[in-house]
Amino acid sequence: MCKPARYALRFLVVIAIVSLIPMLFNSPSPASSPYVSALSSLAVPQTFAGTKCSYQGCTGGSRYNTVCGKATSATNCQNYKGFCLFSSC
């Protein structure tokens, strides 16, 4: 192989490697524009750790479950205007 062809091949390999480097990093966040690509939602979003689970549920009280107490299931409990509200973790 002659030298000019060898240099051209090396140059093309370097260009190919440099063009693939941005694929290794995170993609930028989608722009707030009406012209966003339909494929932009296919990227996997980052996941973050959830909130701490308190393992409390609605227990006791009168005929209304108004008190938060210990529970064996993974639930969070909170009192809101006299009512007990719980959600799963």
C-alpha atoms as a PDB file:
ATOM      1  CA  MET A   1       0.000   0.000   0.000  1.00  0.00           C
ATOM      2  CA  CYS A   2       1.433   3.396  -0.931  1.00  0.00           C
ATOM      3  CA  LYS A   3       2.055   6.068   1.689  1.00  0.00           C
ATOM      4  CA  PRO A   4      -0.709   8.518   0.661  1.00  0.00           C
ATOM      5  CA  ALA A   5      -3.342   5.758   0.863  1.00  0.00           C
ATOM      6  CA  ARG A   6      -2.025   4.648   4.257  1.00  0.00           C
ATOM      7  CA  TYR A   7      -2.206   8.230   5.593  1.00  0.00           C
ATOM      8  CA  ALA A   8      -5.721   8.644   4.185  1.00  0.00           C
ATOM      9  CA  LEU A   9      -6.816   5.411   5.872  1.00  0.00           C
ATOM     10  CA  ARG A  10      -5.331   6.518   9.209  1.00  0.00           C
ATOM     11  CA  PHE A  11      -7.049   9.893   8.863  1.00  0.00           C
ATOM     12  CA  LEU A  12     -10.424   8.234   8.220  1.00  0.00           C
ATOM     13  CA  VAL A  13      -9.979   5.954  11.245  1.00  0.00           C
ATOM     14  CA  VAL A  14      -9.178   8.923  13.475  1.00  0.00           C
ATOM     15  CA  ILE A  15     -12.220  10.822  12.160  1.00  0.00           C
ATOM     16  CA  ALA A  16     -14.453   7.786  12.805  1.00  0.00           C
ATOM     17  CA  ILE A  17     -13.187   7.413  16.387  1.00  0.00           C
ATOM     18  CA  VAL A  18     -13.588  11.127  17.118  1.00  0.00           C
ATOM     19  CA  SER A  19     -17.142  11.089  15.745  1.00  0.00           C
ATOM     20  CA  LEU A  20     -18.081   8.180  18.055  1.00  0.00           C
ATOM     21  CA  ILE A  21     -16.825   9.830  21.260  1.00  0.00           C
ATOM     22  CA  PRO A  22     -20.003  11.927  21.897  1.00  0.00           C
ATOM     23  CA  MET A  23     -22.043   8.716  21.974  1.00  0.00           C
ATOM     24  CA  LEU A  24     -20.210   7.702  25.151  1.00  0.00           C
ATOM     25  CA  PHE A  25     -21.478  10.704  27.109  1.00  0.00           C
ATOM     26  CA  ASN A  26     -25.004  11.641  28.218  1.00  0.00           C
ATOM     27  CA  SER A  27     -27.199  13.295  25.692  1.00  0.00           C
ATOM     28  CA  PRO A  28     -28.258  16.884  26.428  1.00  0.00           C
ATOM     29  CA  SER A  29     -31.620  17.503  28.016  1.00  0.00           C
ATOM     30  CA  PRO A  30     -34.456  18.030  25.554  1.00  0.00           C
ATOM     31  CA  ALA A  31     -35.138  21.603  24.591  1.00  0.00           C
ATOM     32  CA  SER A  32     -38.446  23.197  25.472  1.00  0.00           C
ATOM     33  CA  SER A  33     -39.500  23.767  21.921  1.00  0.00           C
ATOM     34  CA  PRO A  34     -42.472  22.710  19.811  1.00  0.00           C
ATOM     35  CA  TYR A  35     -39.975  21.292  17.323  1.00  0.00           C
ATOM     36  CA  VAL A  36     -38.619  18.477  19.515  1.00  0.00           C
ATOM     37  CA  SER A  37     -38.033  15.147  17.797  1.00  0.00           C
ATOM     38  CA  ALA A  38     -40.508  12.348  18.389  1.00  0.00           C
ATOM     39  CA  LEU A  39     -37.558  10.069  19.114  1.00  0.00           C
ATOM     40  CA  SER A  40     -36.236  12.264  21.924  1.00  0.00           C
ATOM     41  CA  SER A  41     -38.448  10.508  24.471  1.00  0.00           C
ATOM     42  CA  LEU A  42     -36.839   7.144  23.716  1.00  0.00           C
ATOM     43  CA  ALA A  43     -33.730   7.964  25.711  1.00  0.00           C
ATOM     44  CA  VAL A  44     -33.671   6.382  29.155  1.00  0.00           C
ATOM     45  CA  PRO A  45     -33.969   9.063  31.859  1.00  0.00           C
ATOM     46  CA  GLN A  46     -31.768   9.064  34.916  1.00  0.00           C
ATOM     47  CA  THR A  47     -33.173   7.384  37.984  1.00  0.00           C
ATOM     48  CA  PHE A  48     -32.744   8.727  41.472  1.00  0.00           C
ATOM     49  CA  ALA A  49     -33.069   7.065  44.832  1.00  0.00           C
ATOM     50  CA  GLY A  50     -36.541   7.195  46.334  1.00  0.00           C
ATOM     51  CA  THR A  51     -37.541   8.669  49.642  1.00  0.00           C
ATOM     52  CA  LYS A  52     -37.019   6.790  52.860  1.00  0.00           C
ATOM     53  CA  CYS A  53     -39.767   4.326  53.719  1.00  0.00           C
ATOM     54  CA  SER A  54     -41.205   4.739  57.221  1.00  0.00           C
ATOM     55  CA  TYR A  55     -43.029   1.351  57.358  1.00  0.00           C
ATOM     56  CA  GLN A  56     -46.102   2.985  58.879  1.00  0.00           C
ATOM     57  CA  GLY A  57     -49.735   2.471  57.995  1.00  0.00           C
ATOM     58  CA  CYS A  58     -53.160   3.630  59.133  1.00  0.00           C
ATOM     59  CA  THR A  59     -54.050   1.895  62.384  1.00  0.00           C
ATOM     60  CA  GLY A  60     -56.273   2.288  65.409  1.00  0.00           C
ATOM     61  CA  GLY A  61     -58.363   5.295  66.142  1.00  0.00           C
ATOM     62  CA  SER A  62     -62.138   5.271  66.175  1.00  0.00           C
ATOM     63  CA  ARG A  63     -64.102   3.977  63.215  1.00  0.00           C
ATOM     64  CA  TYR A  64     -61.877   6.182  61.059  1.00  0.00           C
ATOM     65  CA  ASN A  65     -58.251   5.156  60.729  1.00  0.00           C
ATOM     66  CA  THR A  66     -56.774   8.412  61.971  1.00  0.00           C
ATOM     67  CA  VAL A  67     -53.565   7.200  63.589  1.00  0.00           C
ATOM     68  CA  CYS A  68     -50.323   6.172  61.923  1.00  0.00           C
ATOM     69  CA  GLY A  69     -48.702   3.110  63.425  1.00  0.00           C
ATOM     70  CA  LYS A  70     -46.128   0.464  62.650  1.00  0.00           C
ATOM     71  CA  ALA A  71     -46.819  -1.722  59.645  1.00  0.00           C
ATOM     72  CA  THR A  72     -45.117  -4.766  58.177  1.00  0.00           C
ATOM     73  CA  SER A  73     -45.638  -3.650  54.587  1.00  0.00           C
ATOM     74  CA  ALA A  74     -43.554  -0.991  52.866  1.00  0.00           C
ATOM     75  CA  THR A  75     -45.869   2.013  53.245  1.00  0.00           C
ATOM     76  CA  ASN A  76     -45.590   5.634  54.311  1.00  0.00           C
ATOM     77  CA  CYS A  77     -48.273   7.213  56.465  1.00  0.00           C
ATOM     78  CA  GLN A  78     -49.197  10.800  57.262  1.00  0.00           C
ATOM     79  CA  ASN A  79     -52.109  12.581  58.891  1.00  0.00           C
ATOM     80  CA  TYR A  80     -53.893  15.198  56.813  1.00  0.00           C
ATOM     81  CA  LYS A  81     -56.728  17.207  58.397  1.00  0.00           C
ATOM     82  CA  GLY A  82     -57.636  14.351  60.725  1.00  0.00           C
ATOM     83  CA  PHE A  83     -57.484  11.658  58.066  1.00  0.00           C
ATOM     84  CA  CYS A  84     -54.830   9.021  57.693  1.00  0.00           C
ATOM     85  CA  LEU A  85     -53.262   8.819  54.249  1.00  0.00           C
ATOM     86  CA  PHE A  86     -50.822   6.128  53.237  1.00  0.00           C
ATOM     87  CA  SER A  87     -48.865   5.348  50.102  1.00  0.00           C
ATOM     88  CA  SER A  88     -46.611   2.514  49.077  1.00  0.00           C
ATOM     89  CA  CYS A  89     -42.841   3.019  49.004  1.00  0.00           C
END
